[in-house]
Protein backbone atom coordinates (compact mmCIF):
# COMPACT_ATOMS: atom_id res chain seq x y z
CA GLU A 1 5.15 143.19 0.03
CA GLY A 2 3.52 146.72 0.66
CA CYS A 3 0.83 145.26 3.35
CA TYR A 4 -0.53 147.58 5.71
CA PHE A 5 -2.73 147.37 8.97
CA HIS A 6 -5.87 149.41 8.78
CA ALA A 7 -7.10 149.37 12.47
CA HIS A 8 -10.46 150.83 11.73
CA THR A 9 -11.33 147.88 9.37
CA GLY A 10 -10.41 145.23 12.03
CA ASP A 11 -12.29 147.34 14.73
CA ALA A 12 -15.41 147.38 12.58
CA VAL A 13 -15.68 143.65 12.19
CA CYS A 14 -15.34 143.48 16.21
CA THR A 15 -18.09 146.03 16.59
CA TRP A 16 -20.40 144.13 13.90
CA ILE A 17 -19.96 141.00 16.02
CA GLU A 18 -20.48 142.63 19.26
CA THR A 19 -23.63 144.49 17.81
CA PHE A 20 -25.44 141.62 16.10
CA CYS A 21 -24.21 138.34 17.48
CA HIS A 22 -25.64 136.76 20.61
CA HIS A 23 -24.46 133.68 22.66
CA SER A 24 -26.97 130.85 22.41
CA LYS A 25 -25.54 128.30 25.39
CA ASP A 26 -25.27 128.12 29.13
CA LYS A 27 -25.36 131.23 31.28
CA TRP A 28 -24.72 133.53 28.47
CA ALA A 29 -27.66 132.54 26.29
CA GLY A 30 -29.40 135.47 24.71
CA SER A 31 -26.53 138.04 25.71
CA LEU A 32 -24.69 139.98 23.18
CA PHE A 33 -21.43 138.39 22.06
CA VAL A 34 -18.59 140.49 23.83
CA LEU A 35 -15.24 139.49 22.45
CA LEU A 36 -12.40 138.66 24.96
CA PRO A 37 -9.14 140.40 24.41
CA TRP A 38 -7.58 137.20 22.59
CA GLU A 39 -10.65 137.02 20.25
CA ARG A 40 -10.63 140.88 19.60
CA ASN A 41 -6.86 140.59 18.61
CA PHE A 42 -7.53 137.46 16.54
CA VAL A 43 -10.30 139.43 14.49
CA ARG A 44 -8.45 142.67 14.20
CA GLU A 45 -5.17 140.93 12.77
CA LEU A 46 -7.38 138.81 10.53
CA PHE A 47 -9.40 141.60 8.92
CA GLY A 48 -7.31 144.70 9.42
CA TRP A 49 -4.26 143.70 7.39
CA ARG A 50 -4.36 144.83 3.83
CA ARG A 51 -2.46 144.24 0.70
CA LYS A 52 -1.46 147.37 -1.43
CA ASN A 53 -4.53 147.14 -3.44
CA GLY A 54 -6.68 147.37 -0.46
CA ARG A 55 -7.99 143.76 -0.34
CA ARG A 56 -7.40 141.43 2.61
CA ARG A 57 -4.27 140.08 3.21
CA PHE A 58 -5.54 136.88 4.92
CA THR A 59 -8.59 135.15 3.56
CA ARG A 60 -8.08 131.87 5.43
CA ALA A 61 -7.42 131.38 9.19
CA MET A 62 -6.76 128.67 11.45
CA LEU A 63 -7.20 128.81 15.24
CA PHE A 64 -5.96 126.07 17.73
CA ILE A 65 -7.04 126.59 21.15
CA PRO A 66 -8.42 123.96 23.75
CA LYS A 67 -11.92 122.83 23.65
CA LYS A 68 -14.56 124.74 25.64
CA ASN A 69 -12.93 128.07 24.92
CA GLY A 70 -15.43 129.50 22.37
CA LYS A 71 -14.00 128.57 19.15
CA THR A 72 -17.43 127.51 17.62
CA THR A 73 -19.07 130.91 18.87
CA LEU A 74 -16.24 132.99 17.22
CA ALA A 75 -16.25 130.99 14.11
CA SER A 76 -19.99 131.34 13.83
CA ALA A 77 -19.75 134.98 14.38
CA LEU A 78 -17.00 135.22 11.71
CA ALA A 79 -19.21 133.09 9.30
CA LEU A 80 -22.28 135.54 9.64
CA TYR A 81 -19.84 138.53 9.12
CA GLY A 82 -18.51 136.94 6.04
CA LEU A 83 -22.18 136.18 4.66
CA ILE A 84 -23.97 139.32 5.76
CA GLY A 85 -21.52 141.92 7.49
CA ASP A 86 -18.93 142.12 4.94
CA GLY A 87 -21.14 143.36 1.97
CA VAL A 88 -19.67 140.99 -0.45
CA LYS A 89 -22.43 140.11 -3.20
CA GLY A 90 -22.66 136.39 -3.57
CA ALA A 91 -20.36 135.69 -0.66
CA GLY A 92 -19.81 132.08 0.38
CA VAL A 93 -18.80 130.65 3.87
CA TYR A 94 -17.44 127.15 3.95
CA VAL A 95 -16.95 125.37 7.42
CA ALA A 96 -14.86 122.38 7.22
CA ALA A 97 -14.76 119.49 9.93
CA GLY A 98 -13.98 116.05 10.26
CA ASP A 99 -17.53 114.94 9.77
CA ARG A 100 -21.05 116.39 8.99
CA GLU A 101 -22.10 116.34 12.84
CA GLN A 102 -19.07 118.30 13.66
CA ALA A 103 -19.56 120.92 10.85
CA SER A 104 -23.19 121.19 11.78
CA ILE A 105 -22.25 122.44 15.29
CA CYS A 106 -20.97 125.74 13.68
CA PHE A 107 -24.00 126.17 11.31
CA LYS A 108 -26.41 125.55 14.16
CA GLU A 109 -24.79 128.25 16.27
CA SER A 110 -24.87 130.75 13.28
CA ALA A 111 -28.61 129.58 12.84
CA HIS A 112 -29.10 130.72 16.71
CA MET A 113 -27.33 133.94 16.33
CA VAL A 114 -29.50 134.85 13.27
CA GLU A 115 -32.74 133.85 15.43
CA GLN A 116 -31.78 135.96 18.22
CA SER A 117 -30.90 139.14 16.20
CA PRO A 118 -33.84 140.94 14.98
CA THR A 119 -31.61 142.89 12.26
CA LEU A 120 -30.00 139.47 11.24
CA ALA A 121 -33.51 137.56 10.98
CA LYS A 122 -34.51 140.46 8.57
CA VAL A 123 -32.17 139.26 6.04
CA ALA A 124 -31.46 135.45 6.84
CA THR A 125 -33.66 132.48 7.62
CA PRO A 126 -31.98 129.46 8.87
CA VAL A 127 -33.28 126.05 7.68
CA VAL A 128 -31.48 123.86 10.07
CA ASP A 129 -32.62 120.52 8.83
CA THR A 130 -31.04 121.08 5.61
CA PHE A 131 -28.07 123.01 6.92
CA GLN A 132 -28.92 126.16 4.63
CA LEU A 133 -29.21 129.81 5.62
CA GLU A 134 -31.28 131.30 3.05
CA LEU A 135 -30.15 135.13 2.68
CA LEU A 136 -31.02 138.09 0.55
CA PRO A 137 -29.37 138.75 -1.77
CA LYS A 138 -28.41 134.98 -2.58
CA ILE A 139 -25.37 133.86 -0.76
CA SER A 140 -24.42 130.58 0.69
CA PHE A 141 -23.19 128.90 3.83
CA LYS A 142 -22.08 125.52 3.32
CA LEU A 143 -20.70 122.49 5.27
CA LEU A 144 -17.77 120.44 4.12
CA PRO A 145 -17.42 117.22 5.95
CA LEU A 146 -13.96 115.83 5.52
CA ALA A 147 -15.14 112.30 5.98
CA PRO A 148 -12.15 110.41 4.66
CA LEU A 149 -10.06 112.42 7.03
CA LYS A 150 -10.01 110.61 10.41
CA LEU A 151 -7.73 112.07 13.05
CA ASN A 152 -6.35 109.91 15.80
CA CYS A 153 -4.60 112.13 17.89
CA LYS A 154 -2.87 111.06 21.01
CA PRO A 155 -1.79 113.60 23.80
CA VAL A 156 1.57 115.19 23.59
CA TRP A 157 1.76 115.42 27.30
CA SER A 158 2.06 112.60 29.83
């Protein structure tokens, strides 16, 4: 379909994350977010592939990995990149989850990243109680709780 891989673009997103995003929990709290090899590969593939017209080939992604492997931190960093780092005027980022509480975890992580980065704090002000990120120019970060969807999963292993 005429798609091509632009490594510099994918690498630039990785560099942005590793320059402006900080961990906020556990022993890594306050330290810069250094992407693991699998995270770097995911980000490069997601942002590096382009269509003939230069636009992104992928505009949505789903990542399935076990819990406690950094999904929320990575999603938060990608959300901030989409809002601030990408340079798209009027950008919007949507976090979908099973309920509002679950969706708020990613938002709160993004808010912590903004608070810990002097550069991001100049352009964004987290308002955690209303789950808004006030940014200049006007862009939005929204939570999408999928309340009617209740997932009752059973392990596939025994």
